[in-house]
Amino acid sequence: MSTMQLSGENERIVRRYEYDDSWVFVTDLQVADEDVSVDVVGSTAIVVADTDEGVSEAEFELPGAETSITTNNGVLTITGDR
């Protein structure tokens, strides 16, 4: 299953995929990997990106505890187990 969420000041598209035993959040931040910082507090992922327009922050509610956070070419992927 895939759902779309809009988040942050510029309403970036976030895709959420849910499976029987896991879930995945994916978003293209359109910034270099080294310009992205992600912290998870409880069930909330806080994403800070240093863009050409300045610093942008977005928060995403996660359906469970995260098991992996990666960025590759500006694409942020957060995965977790159910």
PDB file of N, CA and C in Angstrom:
ATOM      1  N   MET A   1       0.846  -1.174   0.000  1.00  0.00           N
ATOM      2  CA  MET A   1       0.000   0.000   0.000  1.00  0.00           C
ATOM      3  C   MET A   1       0.891   1.237   0.000  1.00  0.00           C
ATOM      4  N   SER A   2       0.493   2.243  -0.708  1.00  0.00           N
ATOM      5  CA  SER A   2       1.247   3.492  -0.771  1.00  0.00           C
ATOM      6  C   SER A   2       0.310   4.651  -0.477  1.00  0.00           C
ATOM      7  N   THR A   3       0.755   5.544   0.396  1.00  0.00           N
ATOM      8  CA  THR A   3      -0.023   6.744   0.655  1.00  0.00           C
ATOM      9  C   THR A   3       0.868   7.952   0.475  1.00  0.00           C
ATOM     10  N   MET A   4       0.283   9.088   0.171  1.00  0.00           N
ATOM     11  CA  MET A   4       1.040  10.315  -0.018  1.00  0.00           C
ATOM     12  C   MET A   4       0.743  11.263   1.129  1.00  0.00           C
ATOM     13  N   GLN A   5       1.784  11.911   1.628  1.00  0.00           N
ATOM     14  CA  GLN A   5       1.630  12.929   2.654  1.00  0.00           C
ATOM     15  C   GLN A   5       2.376  14.166   2.202  1.00  0.00           C
ATOM     16  N   LEU A   6       1.875  15.330   2.563  1.00  0.00           N
ATOM     17  CA  LEU A   6       2.576  16.580   2.302  1.00  0.00           C
ATOM     18  C   LEU A   6       3.081  17.103   3.626  1.00  0.00           C
ATOM     19  N   SER A   7       4.321  17.573   3.643  1.00  0.00           N
ATOM     20  CA  SER A   7       4.885  18.016   4.907  1.00  0.00           C
ATOM     21  C   SER A   7       5.915  19.098   4.681  1.00  0.00           C
ATOM     22  N   GLY A   8       6.096  19.933   5.684  1.00  0.00           N
ATOM     23  CA  GLY A   8       7.108  20.978   5.622  1.00  0.00           C
ATOM     24  C   GLY A   8       6.572  22.233   4.980  1.00  0.00           C
ATOM     25  N   GLU A   9       7.424  23.250   4.987  1.00  0.00           N
ATOM     26  CA  GLU A   9       7.024  24.554   4.463  1.00  0.00           C
ATOM     27  C   GLU A   9       6.704  24.511   2.971  1.00  0.00           C
ATOM     28  N   ASN A  10       7.438  23.696   2.207  1.00  0.00           N
ATOM     29  CA  ASN A  10       7.226  23.660   0.764  1.00  0.00           C
ATOM     30  C   ASN A  10       6.432  22.438   0.327  1.00  0.00           C
ATOM     31  N   GLU A  11       5.825  21.734   1.266  1.00  0.00           N
ATOM     32  CA  GLU A  11       4.952  20.595   1.005  1.00  0.00           C
ATOM     33  C   GLU A  11       5.590  19.573   0.075  1.00  0.00           C
ATOM     34  N   ARG A  12       6.730  19.052   0.469  1.00  0.00           N
ATOM     35  CA  ARG A  12       7.383  17.980  -0.284  1.00  0.00           C
ATOM     36  C   ARG A  12       6.512  16.732  -0.224  1.00  0.00           C
ATOM     37  N   ILE A  13       6.586  15.941  -1.274  1.00  0.00           N
ATOM     38  CA  ILE A  13       5.818  14.701  -1.316  1.00  0.00           C
ATOM     39  C   ILE A  13       6.589  13.613  -0.579  1.00  0.00           C
ATOM     40  N   VAL A  14       5.887  12.941   0.310  1.00  0.00           N
ATOM     41  CA  VAL A  14       6.450  11.825   1.060  1.00  0.00           C
ATOM     42  C   VAL A  14       5.613  10.595   0.742  1.00  0.00           C
ATOM     43  N   ARG A  15       6.274   9.523   0.367  1.00  0.00           N
ATOM     44  CA  ARG A  15       5.566   8.268   0.112  1.00  0.00           C
ATOM     45  C   ARG A  15       5.754   7.351   1.306  1.00  0.00           C
ATOM     46  N   ARG A  16       4.681   6.710   1.704  1.00  0.00           N
ATOM     47  CA  ARG A  16       4.739   5.731   2.788  1.00  0.00           C
ATOM     48  C   ARG A  16       4.237   4.404   2.247  1.00  0.00           C
ATOM     49  N   TYR A  17       5.053   3.384   2.409  1.00  0.00           N
ATOM     50  CA  TYR A  17       4.695   2.037   1.991  1.00  0.00           C
ATOM     51  C   TYR A  17       4.581   1.180   3.244  1.00  0.00           C
ATOM     52  N   GLU A  18       3.483   0.447   3.346  1.00  0.00           N
ATOM     53  CA  GLU A  18       3.282  -0.424   4.499  1.00  0.00           C
ATOM     54  C   GLU A  18       3.153  -1.859   4.024  1.00  0.00           C
ATOM     55  N   TYR A  19       3.882  -2.738   4.698  1.00  0.00           N
ATOM     56  CA  TYR A  19       3.873  -4.162   4.397  1.00  0.00           C
ATOM     57  C   TYR A  19       3.453  -4.912   5.657  1.00  0.00           C
ATOM     58  N   ASP A  20       3.264  -6.224   5.541  1.00  0.00           N
ATOM     59  CA  ASP A  20       2.836  -7.011   6.696  1.00  0.00           C
ATOM     60  C   ASP A  20       3.799  -6.894   7.872  1.00  0.00           C
ATOM     61  N   ASP A  21       5.108  -6.874   7.591  1.00  0.00           N
ATOM     62  CA  ASP A  21       6.091  -6.893   8.670  1.00  0.00           C
ATOM     63  C   ASP A  21       6.975  -5.653   8.741  1.00  0.00           C
ATOM     64  N   SER A  22       6.739  -4.661   7.858  1.00  0.00           N
ATOM     65  CA  SER A  22       7.596  -3.469   7.857  1.00  0.00           C
ATOM     66  C   SER A  22       6.882  -2.286   7.207  1.00  0.00           C
ATOM     67  N   TRP A  23       7.528  -1.125   7.287  1.00  0.00           N
ATOM     68  CA  TRP A  23       7.033   0.090   6.642  1.00  0.00           C
ATOM     69  C   TRP A  23       8.229   0.876   6.131  1.00  0.00           C
ATOM     70  N   VAL A  24       7.981   1.750   5.132  1.00  0.00           N
ATOM     71  CA  VAL A  24       9.044   2.544   4.521  1.00  0.00           C
ATOM     72  C   VAL A  24       8.506   3.942   4.223  1.00  0.00           C
ATOM     73  N   PHE A  25       9.266   4.980   4.598  1.00  0.00           N
ATOM     74  CA  PHE A  25       9.002   6.361   4.199  1.00  0.00           C
ATOM     75  C   PHE A  25      10.080   6.759   3.208  1.00  0.00           C
ATOM     76  N   VAL A  26       9.691   7.399   2.097  1.00  0.00           N
ATOM     77  CA  VAL A  26      10.659   7.843   1.094  1.00  0.00           C
ATOM     78  C   VAL A  26      10.285   9.247   0.636  1.00  0.00           C
ATOM     79  N   THR A  27      11.280  10.135   0.554  1.00  0.00           N
ATOM     80  CA  THR A  27      11.059  11.475   0.015  1.00  0.00           C
ATOM     81  C   THR A  27      12.325  11.967  -0.664  1.00  0.00           C
ATOM     82  N   ASP A  28      12.170  12.685  -1.757  1.00  0.00           N
ATOM     83  CA  ASP A  28      13.303  13.283  -2.459  1.00  0.00           C
ATOM     84  C   ASP A  28      13.476  14.702  -1.937  1.00  0.00           C
ATOM     85  N   LEU A  29      14.532  14.913  -1.161  1.00  0.00           N
ATOM     86  CA  LEU A  29      14.766  16.217  -0.544  1.00  0.00           C
ATOM     87  C   LEU A  29      15.426  17.209  -1.489  1.00  0.00           C
ATOM     88  N   GLN A  30      15.980  16.725  -2.580  1.00  0.00           N
ATOM     89  CA  GLN A  30      16.611  17.570  -3.603  1.00  0.00           C
ATOM     90  C   GLN A  30      17.758  18.398  -3.037  1.00  0.00           C
ATOM     91  N   VAL A  31      18.511  17.810  -2.097  1.00  0.00           N
ATOM     92  CA  VAL A  31      19.720  18.424  -1.554  1.00  0.00           C
ATOM     93  C   VAL A  31      20.786  17.339  -1.438  1.00  0.00           C
ATOM     94  N   ALA A  32      22.032  17.755  -1.295  1.00  0.00           N
ATOM     95  CA  ALA A  32      23.131  16.805  -1.131  1.00  0.00           C
ATOM     96  C   ALA A  32      22.984  16.056   0.194  1.00  0.00           C
ATOM     97  N   ASP A  33      23.434  14.812   0.217  1.00  0.00           N
ATOM     98  CA  ASP A  33      23.309  13.980   1.414  1.00  0.00           C
ATOM     99  C   ASP A  33      23.910  14.639   2.649  1.00  0.00           C
ATOM    100  N   GLU A  34      25.048  15.315   2.482  1.00  0.00           N
ATOM    101  CA  GLU A  34      25.714  15.933   3.633  1.00  0.00           C
ATOM    102  C   GLU A  34      24.959  17.149   4.171  1.00  0.00           C
ATOM    103  N   ASP A  35      23.941  17.619   3.450  1.00  0.00           N
ATOM    104  CA  ASP A  35      23.139  18.763   3.887  1.00  0.00           C
ATOM    105  C   ASP A  35      21.851  18.344   4.590  1.00  0.00           C
ATOM    106  N   VAL A  36      21.729  17.045   4.915  1.00  0.00           N
ATOM    107  CA  VAL A  36      20.523  16.510   5.551  1.00  0.00           C
ATOM    108  C   VAL A  36      20.871  15.952   6.929  1.00  0.00           C
ATOM    109  N   SER A  37      20.027  16.278   7.910  1.00  0.00           N
ATOM    110  CA  SER A  37      20.167  15.738   9.256  1.00  0.00           C
ATOM    111  C   SER A  37      18.814  15.177   9.682  1.00  0.00           C
ATOM    112  N   VAL A  38      18.814  13.978  10.250  1.00  0.00           N
ATOM    113  CA  VAL A  38      17.568  13.347  10.688  1.00  0.00           C
ATOM    114  C   VAL A  38      17.720  12.906  12.138  1.00  0.00           C
ATOM    115  N   ASP A  39      16.763  13.294  12.970  1.00  0.00           N
ATOM    116  CA  ASP A  39      16.683  12.835  14.354  1.00  0.00           C
ATOM    117  C   ASP A  39      15.306  12.233  14.563  1.00  0.00           C
ATOM    118  N   VAL A  40      15.242  11.182  15.362  1.00  0.00           N
ATOM    119  CA  VAL A  40      13.958  10.576  15.701  1.00  0.00           C
ATOM    120  C   VAL A  40      13.747  10.728  17.199  1.00  0.00           C
ATOM    121  N   VAL A  41      12.605  11.325  17.552  1.00  0.00           N
ATOM    122  CA  VAL A  41      12.224  11.506  18.946  1.00  0.00           C
ATOM    123  C   VAL A  41      10.872  10.833  19.120  1.00  0.00           C
ATOM    124  N   GLY A  42      10.856   9.749  19.884  1.00  0.00           N
ATOM    125  CA  GLY A  42       9.618   8.994  20.026  1.00  0.00           C
ATOM    126  C   GLY A  42       9.209   8.427  18.682  1.00  0.00           C
ATOM    127  N   SER A  43       8.031   8.805  18.215  1.00  0.00           N
ATOM    128  CA  SER A  43       7.548   8.327  16.917  1.00  0.00           C
ATOM    129  C   SER A  43       7.594   9.423  15.852  1.00  0.00           C
ATOM    130  N   THR A  44       8.385  10.467  16.093  1.00  0.00           N
ATOM    131  CA  THR A  44       8.477  11.587  15.155  1.00  0.00           C
ATOM    132  C   THR A  44       9.881  11.688  14.576  1.00  0.00           C
ATOM    133  N   ALA A  45       9.972  11.712  13.245  1.00  0.00           N
ATOM    134  CA  ALA A  45      11.246  11.962  12.567  1.00  0.00           C
ATOM    135  C   ALA A  45      11.324  13.450  12.273  1.00  0.00           C
ATOM    136  N   ILE A  46      12.425  14.072  12.676  1.00  0.00           N
ATOM    137  CA  ILE A  46      12.650  15.493  12.429  1.00  0.00           C
ATOM    138  C   ILE A  46      13.762  15.593  11.394  1.00  0.00           C
ATOM    139  N   VAL A  47      13.423  16.154  10.237  1.00  0.00           N
ATOM    140  CA  VAL A  47      14.364  16.236   9.117  1.00  0.00           C
ATOM    141  C   VAL A  47      14.726  17.696   8.901  1.00  0.00           C
ATOM    142  N   VAL A  48      16.028  17.984   8.911  1.00  0.00           N
ATOM    143  CA  VAL A  48      16.523  19.332   8.673  1.00  0.00           C
ATOM    144  C   VAL A  48      17.395  19.283   7.431  1.00  0.00           C
ATOM    145  N   ALA A  49      17.092  20.148   6.453  1.00  0.00           N
ATOM    146  CA  ALA A  49      17.857  20.198   5.207  1.00  0.00           C
ATOM    147  C   ALA A  49      18.344  21.619   4.971  1.00  0.00           C
ATOM    148  N   ASP A  50      19.612  21.742   4.626  1.00  0.00           N
ATOM    149  CA  ASP A  50      20.216  23.035   4.300  1.00  0.00           C
ATOM    150  C   ASP A  50      20.087  23.230   2.794  1.00  0.00           C
ATOM    151  N   THR A  51      19.139  24.079   2.384  1.00  0.00           N
ATOM    152  CA  THR A  51      18.865  24.297   0.965  1.00  0.00           C
ATOM    153  C   THR A  51      19.424  25.638   0.515  1.00  0.00           C
ATOM    154  N   ASP A  52      19.318  25.918  -0.779  1.00  0.00           N
ATOM    155  CA  ASP A  52      19.761  27.206  -1.309  1.00  0.00           C
ATOM    156  C   ASP A  52      18.982  28.368  -0.703  1.00  0.00           C
ATOM    157  N   GLU A  53      17.721  28.122  -0.315  1.00  0.00           N
ATOM    158  CA  GLU A  53      16.880  29.163   0.276  1.00  0.00           C
ATOM    159  C   GLU A  53      17.072  29.294   1.778  1.00  0.00           C
ATOM    160  N   GLY A  54      17.861  28.415   2.387  1.00  0.00           N
ATOM    161  CA  GLY A  54      18.066  28.432   3.830  1.00  0.00           C
ATOM    162  C   GLY A  54      17.800  27.067   4.423  1.00  0.00           C
ATOM    163  N   VAL A  55      17.631  27.038   5.722  1.00  0.00           N
ATOM    164  CA  VAL A  55      17.396  25.777   6.419  1.00  0.00           C
ATOM    165  C   VAL A  55      15.900  25.472   6.423  1.00  0.00           C
ATOM    166  N   SER A  56      15.557  24.237   6.046  1.00  0.00           N
ATOM    167  CA  SER A  56      14.170  23.789   6.004  1.00  0.00           C
ATOM    168  C   SER A  56      14.007  22.640   6.992  1.00  0.00           C
ATOM    169  N   GLU A  57      12.919  22.652   7.747  1.00  0.00           N
ATOM    170  CA  GLU A  57      12.664  21.593   8.722  1.00  0.00           C
ATOM    171  C   GLU A  57      11.292  20.992   8.475  1.00  0.00           C
ATOM    172  N   ALA A  58      11.199  19.664   8.596  1.00  0.00           N
ATOM    173  CA  ALA A  58       9.924  18.967   8.454  1.00  0.00           C
ATOM    174  C   ALA A  58       9.857  17.867   9.498  1.00  0.00           C
ATOM    175  N   GLU A  59       8.647  17.549   9.935  1.00  0.00           N
ATOM    176  CA  GLU A  59       8.427  16.477  10.898  1.00  0.00           C
ATOM    177  C   GLU A  59       7.473  15.464  10.300  1.00  0.00           C
ATOM    178  N   PHE A  60       7.768  14.178  10.526  1.00  0.00           N
ATOM    179  CA  PHE A  60       6.948  13.089  10.024  1.00  0.00           C
ATOM    180  C   PHE A  60       6.618  12.151  11.170  1.00  0.00           C
ATOM    181  N   GLU A  61       5.349  11.783  11.294  1.00  0.00           N
ATOM    182  CA  GLU A  61       4.952  10.784  12.281  1.00  0.00           C
ATOM    183  C   GLU A  61       5.243   9.402  11.712  1.00  0.00           C
ATOM    184  N   LEU A  62       5.977   8.603  12.465  1.00  0.00           N
ATOM    185  CA  LEU A  62       6.330   7.256  12.045  1.00  0.00           C
ATOM    186  C   LEU A  62       5.376   6.255  12.685  1.00  0.00           C
ATOM    187  N   PRO A  63       5.036   5.168  11.970  1.00  0.00           N
ATOM    188  CA  PRO A  63       4.102   4.186  12.523  1.00  0.00           C
ATOM    189  C   PRO A  63       4.733   3.239  13.539  1.00  0.00           C
ATOM    190  N   GLY A  64       6.021   3.364  13.786  1.00  0.00           N
ATOM    191  CA  GLY A  64       6.716   2.506  14.745  1.00  0.00           C
ATOM    192  C   GLY A  64       8.165   2.935  14.850  1.00  0.00           C
ATOM    193  N   ALA A  65       8.948   2.149  15.577  1.00  0.00           N
ATOM    194  CA  ALA A  65      10.367   2.471  15.754  1.00  0.00           C
ATOM    195  C   ALA A  65      11.127   2.264  14.446  1.00  0.00           C
ATOM    196  N   GLU A  66      12.040   3.188  14.159  1.00  0.00           N
ATOM    197  CA  GLU A  66      12.816   3.079  12.925  1.00  0.00           C
ATOM    198  C   GLU A  66      13.931   2.061  13.100  1.00  0.00           C
ATOM    199  N   THR A  67      14.289   1.375  12.014  1.00  0.00           N
ATOM    200  CA  THR A  67      15.404   0.434  12.035  1.00  0.00           C
ATOM    201  C   THR A  67      16.535   0.893  11.132  1.00  0.00           C
ATOM    202  N   SER A  68      16.227   1.805  10.197  1.00  0.00           N
ATOM    203  CA  SER A  68      17.253   2.270   9.270  1.00  0.00           C
ATOM    204  C   SER A  68      16.883   3.649   8.739  1.00  0.00           C
ATOM    205  N   ILE A  69      17.886   4.537   8.689  1.00  0.00           N
ATOM    206  CA  ILE A  69      17.718   5.855   8.084  1.00  0.00           C
ATOM    207  C   ILE A  69      18.876   6.041   7.119  1.00  0.00           C
ATOM    208  N   THR A  70      18.562   6.250   5.828  1.00  0.00           N
ATOM    209  CA  THR A  70      19.617   6.442   4.832  1.00  0.00           C
ATOM    210  C   THR A  70      19.261   7.596   3.909  1.00  0.00           C
ATOM    211  N   THR A  71      20.294   8.213   3.337  1.00  0.00           N
ATOM    212  CA  THR A  71      20.109   9.169   2.251  1.00  0.00           C
ATOM    213  C   THR A  71      21.028   8.750   1.121  1.00  0.00           C
ATOM    214  N   ASN A  72      20.523   8.863  -0.095  1.00  0.00           N
ATOM    215  CA  ASN A  72      21.296   8.523  -1.277  1.00  0.00           C
ATOM    216  C   ASN A  72      20.890   9.479  -2.389  1.00  0.00           C
ATOM    217  N   ASN A  73      21.821  10.330  -2.804  1.00  0.00           N
ATOM    218  CA  ASN A  73      21.538  11.334  -3.840  1.00  0.00           C
ATOM    219  C   ASN A  73      20.347  12.211  -3.471  1.00  0.00           C
ATOM    220  N   GLY A  74      20.229  12.556  -2.196  1.00  0.00           N
ATOM    221  CA  GLY A  74      19.158  13.435  -1.747  1.00  0.00           C
ATOM    222  C   GLY A  74      17.838  12.760  -1.458  1.00  0.00           C
ATOM    223  N   VAL A  75      17.765  11.439  -1.638  1.00  0.00           N
ATOM    224  CA  VAL A  75      16.538  10.699  -1.346  1.00  0.00           C
ATOM    225  C   VAL A  75      16.653  10.114   0.059  1.00  0.00           C
ATOM    226  N   LEU A  76      15.740  10.527   0.925  1.00  0.00           N
ATOM    227  CA  LEU A  76      15.716  10.050   2.304  1.00  0.00           C
ATOM    228  C   LEU A  76      14.809   8.834   2.395  1.00  0.00           C
ATOM    229  N   THR A  77      15.323   7.766   3.023  1.00  0.00           N
ATOM    230  CA  THR A  77      14.550   6.547   3.233  1.00  0.00           C
ATOM    231  C   THR A  77      14.624   6.178   4.706  1.00  0.00           C
ATOM    232  N   ILE A  78      13.459   6.024   5.327  1.00  0.00           N
ATOM    233  CA  ILE A  78      13.379   5.584   6.716  1.00  0.00           C
ATOM    234  C   ILE A  78      12.569   4.299   6.721  1.00  0.00           C
ATOM    235  N   THR A  79      13.122   3.241   7.303  1.00  0.00           N
ATOM    236  CA  THR A  79      12.418   1.961   7.359  1.00  0.00           C
ATOM    237  C   THR A  79      12.242   1.534   8.804  1.00  0.00           C
ATOM    238  N   GLY A  80      11.258   0.678   9.025  1.00  0.00           N
ATOM    239  CA  GLY A  80      11.004   0.164  10.363  1.00  0.00           C
ATOM    240  C   GLY A  80      10.256  -1.148  10.312  1.00  0.00           C
ATOM    241  N   ASP A  81      10.282  -1.848  11.437  1.00  0.00           N
ATOM    242  CA  ASP A  81       9.570  -3.117  11.566  1.00  0.00           C
ATOM    243  C   ASP A  81       8.244  -2.893  12.261  1.00  0.00           C
ATOM    244  N   ARG A  82       7.317  -3.759  11.990  1.00  0.00           N
ATOM    245  CA  ARG A  82       6.016  -3.727  12.670  1.00  0.00           C
ATOM    246  C   ARG A  82       6.090  -4.545  13.925  1.00  0.00           C
TER     247      ARG A  82
END
